[in-house]
């Protein structure tokens, strides 16, 4: 396990925090294949509720599939933690898959800017932020969209 890697996780089975082995993206990996999260996202998207992941959160979007297996967010534009940020953070070498590559492989249009710069992308009801610096601007955009409804 690399430096700075989280060594605890929330167990789905027990609901408790326990020691974990693996890379820093264990939580995003869990999110990417969680059928319950996929169902919730599909239901929210169907009624145009705001979906607003930030940083590695867009991994959860990968769990949302249409009948037949097509990705619900295929063709949508979004921001997510970039390959460049993974490399600069020193975590790319420990990740089995990089989030930006995973999203692009499923048909997402990942719009990224210079590493660590705040960046928010709006594509209909999908609002997303690239990295931790994007959390505040993303929250402000969510509030703005809610106030305009």
Foldseek 3Di string as FASTA:
>chain_A
DDPPADQWDQDPVPRDIDGHDAANCPVLVCLLAPLVLQVVVVVCVVVQAADEEEASRCSNQNNHADPVGQRPCAPEEFAYADPVQCVVVVRNVRDPDDSVVVCVVSRYHYDDDPPPDWDWDDGRSYIYTHHPNPVVVSVVVSVVVVVVD
